[in-house]
């Protein structure tokens, strides 16, 4: 990845998106070093953000938000309650680890747009249990107008389809550090073009 070529294209109205905060910190350090190598004493601050943070910012600018955005702790708490209340042998279960795995499984299903009712191993007991928890979670969020960060691309697409593009879109978006974009993100970027 040739950072110098990217840095030279960055303007005030550009954003660099990364998969995580660690890469954001690294890129900000590299960007500051690049500016110093260009013998600049001052330079504009640029947006280098984890993609999830950027999606949250976009969602906030959508004109009609009916849902409350849940933070990670709220999502985890809801999943804990659902799993605890809907599993017969909770004492045999490592609840925290199960919650984290369930949230990660939901994240992957949503980002990769996997239709859960078409999954081939749907007869497996653990899959049926997870599917039940996922259905309860979805119903709970829908009934209470909650949304989690994993569902933001879908909601942002709904805004765009209703002619309500998020305000203050950058002129250029650079994606750094991604091996592959999940379909839900790719559809959003295609709609933003």
Protein backbone atom coordinates (compact mmCIF):
# COMPACT_ATOMS: atom_id res chain seq x y z
CA UNK A 1 0.00 0.00 0.00
CA UNK A 2 1.60 3.27 -1.14
CA UNK A 3 0.55 5.70 1.57
CA UNK A 4 2.36 8.65 0.00
CA UNK A 5 0.16 8.43 -3.10
CA UNK A 6 -2.95 8.31 -0.94
CA UNK A 7 -1.83 11.10 1.38
CA UNK A 8 -1.17 13.38 -1.57
CA UNK A 9 -4.80 12.96 -2.69
CA UNK A 10 -6.33 13.72 0.69
CA UNK A 11 -8.31 16.91 0.99
CA UNK A 12 -10.50 18.44 3.68
CA UNK A 13 -13.51 16.74 2.13
CA UNK A 14 -12.11 13.20 2.11
CA UNK A 15 -12.32 10.37 4.59
CA UNK A 16 -10.10 7.33 5.11
CA UNK A 17 -11.97 4.32 6.46
CA UNK A 18 -10.31 1.38 8.15
CA UNK A 19 -11.55 -1.85 9.71
CA UNK A 20 -10.31 -0.92 13.21
CA UNK A 21 -9.00 1.80 15.53
CA UNK A 22 -5.46 0.45 15.61
CA UNK A 23 -5.03 1.03 11.88
CA UNK A 24 -6.55 4.52 12.28
CA UNK A 25 -3.89 5.40 14.85
CA UNK A 26 -1.13 4.03 12.64
CA UNK A 27 -2.39 5.95 9.59
CA UNK A 28 -2.69 9.18 11.57
CA UNK A 29 0.92 8.78 12.73
CA UNK A 30 2.04 8.09 9.16
CA UNK A 31 0.05 11.05 7.86
CA UNK A 32 1.65 13.38 10.41
CA UNK A 33 5.10 12.07 9.46
CA UNK A 34 4.30 12.58 5.79
CA UNK A 35 3.30 16.20 6.40
CA UNK A 36 6.55 16.77 8.30
CA UNK A 37 8.52 15.24 5.43
CA UNK A 38 6.75 17.71 3.14
CA UNK A 39 8.22 20.38 5.48
CA UNK A 40 4.82 21.60 6.55
CA UNK A 41 4.44 23.24 9.92
CA UNK A 42 0.63 23.18 9.91
CA UNK A 43 -1.86 21.02 8.06
CA UNK A 44 -5.56 20.39 8.19
CA UNK A 45 -6.78 17.51 10.27
CA UNK A 46 -8.28 14.80 8.15
CA UNK A 47 -10.80 12.15 8.92
CA UNK A 48 -9.31 8.72 9.45
CA UNK A 49 -12.02 6.59 11.03
CA UNK A 50 -13.00 3.01 11.68
CA UNK A 51 -15.80 2.22 9.26
CA UNK A 52 -18.25 1.51 12.09
CA UNK A 53 -17.73 5.02 13.53
CA UNK A 54 -18.27 6.55 10.09
CA UNK A 55 -21.47 4.55 9.59
CA UNK A 56 -22.73 5.86 12.93
CA UNK A 57 -21.96 9.44 11.88
CA UNK A 58 -23.79 8.93 8.59
CA UNK A 59 -26.77 7.43 10.34
CA UNK A 60 -27.00 10.43 12.68
CA UNK A 61 -27.20 12.75 9.67
CA UNK A 62 -30.09 10.86 8.08
CA UNK A 63 -33.14 13.03 8.36
CA UNK A 64 -35.55 10.42 9.70
CA UNK A 65 -34.17 8.27 12.46
CA UNK A 66 -36.90 6.40 14.23
CA UNK A 67 -34.60 3.97 15.99
CA UNK A 68 -32.31 4.38 18.95
CA UNK A 69 -28.78 3.27 18.20
CA UNK A 70 -27.58 0.71 20.74
CA UNK A 71 -23.99 0.77 21.92
CA UNK A 72 -21.96 -2.43 22.26
CA UNK A 73 -22.71 -2.80 25.96
CA UNK A 74 -26.46 -2.49 25.38
CA UNK A 75 -26.35 -5.09 22.61
CA UNK A 76 -24.38 -7.42 24.86
CA UNK A 77 -26.81 -6.93 27.74
CA UNK A 78 -29.83 -7.69 25.53
CA UNK A 79 -28.17 -10.85 24.21
CA UNK A 80 -27.28 -11.92 27.78
CA UNK A 81 -30.88 -11.58 28.89
CA UNK A 82 -32.17 -13.44 25.84
CA UNK A 83 -29.72 -16.33 26.20
CA UNK A 84 -30.18 -16.56 29.96
CA UNK A 85 -33.97 -16.51 29.68
CA UNK A 86 -34.16 -18.92 26.75
CA UNK A 87 -31.77 -21.73 27.50
CA UNK A 88 -32.58 -24.69 29.73
CA UNK A 89 -29.06 -25.41 30.96
CA UNK A 90 -27.61 -21.97 31.60
CA UNK A 91 -25.54 -23.30 34.50
CA UNK A 92 -23.58 -25.43 32.02
CA UNK A 93 -23.08 -22.51 29.71
CA UNK A 94 -20.27 -19.96 29.74
CA UNK A 95 -22.67 -17.09 29.30
CA UNK A 96 -20.16 -14.33 28.42
CA UNK A 97 -18.41 -16.45 25.79
CA UNK A 98 -21.73 -17.60 24.33
CA UNK A 99 -22.98 -14.01 24.13
CA UNK A 100 -19.84 -12.89 22.31
CA UNK A 101 -20.10 -15.79 19.85
CA UNK A 102 -23.80 -15.13 19.25
CA UNK A 103 -23.17 -11.43 18.57
CA UNK A 104 -20.31 -12.29 16.21
CA UNK A 105 -22.49 -14.82 14.39
CA UNK A 106 -25.25 -12.22 14.03
CA UNK A 107 -22.71 -9.66 12.77
CA UNK A 108 -21.41 -12.04 10.12
CA UNK A 109 -24.91 -13.02 8.98
CA UNK A 110 -25.97 -9.38 8.68
CA UNK A 111 -22.81 -8.05 7.00
CA UNK A 112 -22.64 -10.91 4.53
CA UNK A 113 -26.43 -10.83 4.02
CA UNK A 114 -26.94 -14.52 4.67
CA UNK A 115 -30.63 -15.45 4.67
CA UNK A 116 -30.90 -17.39 7.93
CA UNK A 117 -33.93 -19.38 6.82
CA UNK A 118 -31.88 -20.91 3.96
CA UNK A 119 -28.91 -22.16 5.98
CA UNK A 120 -28.37 -25.85 5.27
CA UNK A 121 -27.46 -26.97 8.79
CA UNK A 122 -30.74 -25.68 10.18
CA UNK A 123 -31.49 -29.08 11.77
CA UNK A 124 -28.50 -28.88 14.15
CA UNK A 125 -29.53 -28.25 17.75
CA UNK A 126 -27.05 -25.41 18.33
CA UNK A 127 -28.15 -23.69 15.12
CA UNK A 128 -31.83 -23.93 16.12
CA UNK A 129 -30.99 -22.48 19.54
CA UNK A 130 -29.04 -19.59 17.97
CA UNK A 131 -31.79 -19.00 15.40
CA UNK A 132 -34.33 -18.77 18.23
CA UNK A 133 -32.16 -16.23 20.10
CA UNK A 134 -31.64 -14.23 16.89
CA UNK A 135 -35.38 -14.14 16.23
CA UNK A 136 -36.04 -12.96 19.81
CA UNK A 137 -33.31 -10.32 19.51
CA UNK A 138 -34.70 -9.06 16.18
CA UNK A 139 -38.23 -8.92 17.54
CA UNK A 140 -37.07 -7.12 20.68
CA UNK A 141 -35.18 -4.51 18.67
CA UNK A 142 -38.05 -4.03 16.24
CA UNK A 143 -40.63 -3.69 19.02
CA UNK A 144 -38.50 -1.12 20.86
CA UNK A 145 -37.17 0.78 17.81
CA UNK A 146 -33.59 -0.23 18.54
CA UNK A 147 -30.83 -0.69 16.00
CA UNK A 148 -27.29 -1.98 16.38
CA UNK A 149 -24.25 -0.95 14.36
CA UNK A 150 -24.35 -4.15 12.31
CA UNK A 151 -27.69 -3.15 10.79
CA UNK A 152 -26.65 0.43 9.96
CA UNK A 153 -25.74 -0.22 6.29
CA UNK A 154 -29.23 -1.60 5.70
CA UNK A 155 -30.85 1.40 7.40
CA UNK A 156 -28.65 3.85 5.50
CA UNK A 157 -29.67 2.16 2.24
CA UNK A 158 -33.29 2.64 3.26
CA UNK A 159 -32.61 6.36 3.78
CA UNK A 160 -30.97 6.63 0.37
CA UNK A 161 -33.79 4.71 -1.31
CA UNK A 162 -36.25 7.19 0.23
CA UNK A 163 -34.24 10.05 -1.31
CA UNK A 164 -32.78 11.04 2.07
CA UNK A 165 -29.05 10.84 1.47
CA UNK A 166 -26.98 11.44 4.57
CA UNK A 167 -25.78 15.00 4.88
CA UNK A 168 -22.14 16.03 4.50
CA UNK A 169 -20.88 13.11 2.45
CA UNK A 170 -17.17 13.30 1.67
CA UNK A 171 -16.10 13.86 -1.92
CA UNK A 172 -13.62 10.99 -1.70
CA UNK A 173 -13.66 7.84 0.39
CA UNK A 174 -10.50 5.78 0.77
CA UNK A 175 -10.78 2.24 2.12
CA UNK A 176 -7.54 0.98 3.67
CA UNK A 177 -6.83 -2.32 5.37
CA UNK A 178 -9.81 -4.26 4.09
CA UNK A 179 -9.24 -7.69 2.54
CA UNK A 180 -12.79 -7.76 1.24
CA UNK A 181 -15.89 -5.65 1.80
CA UNK A 182 -18.99 -7.45 3.03
CA UNK A 183 -21.92 -7.17 0.60
CA UNK A 184 -23.90 -4.89 2.94
CA UNK A 185 -21.07 -2.32 2.94
CA UNK A 186 -20.48 -2.70 -0.80
CA UNK A 187 -24.15 -2.03 -1.57
CA UNK A 188 -24.02 1.09 0.59
CA UNK A 189 -20.90 2.41 -1.17
CA UNK A 190 -22.47 1.68 -4.55
CA UNK A 191 -25.58 3.64 -3.55
CA UNK A 192 -23.49 6.58 -2.33
CA UNK A 193 -21.73 6.99 -5.68
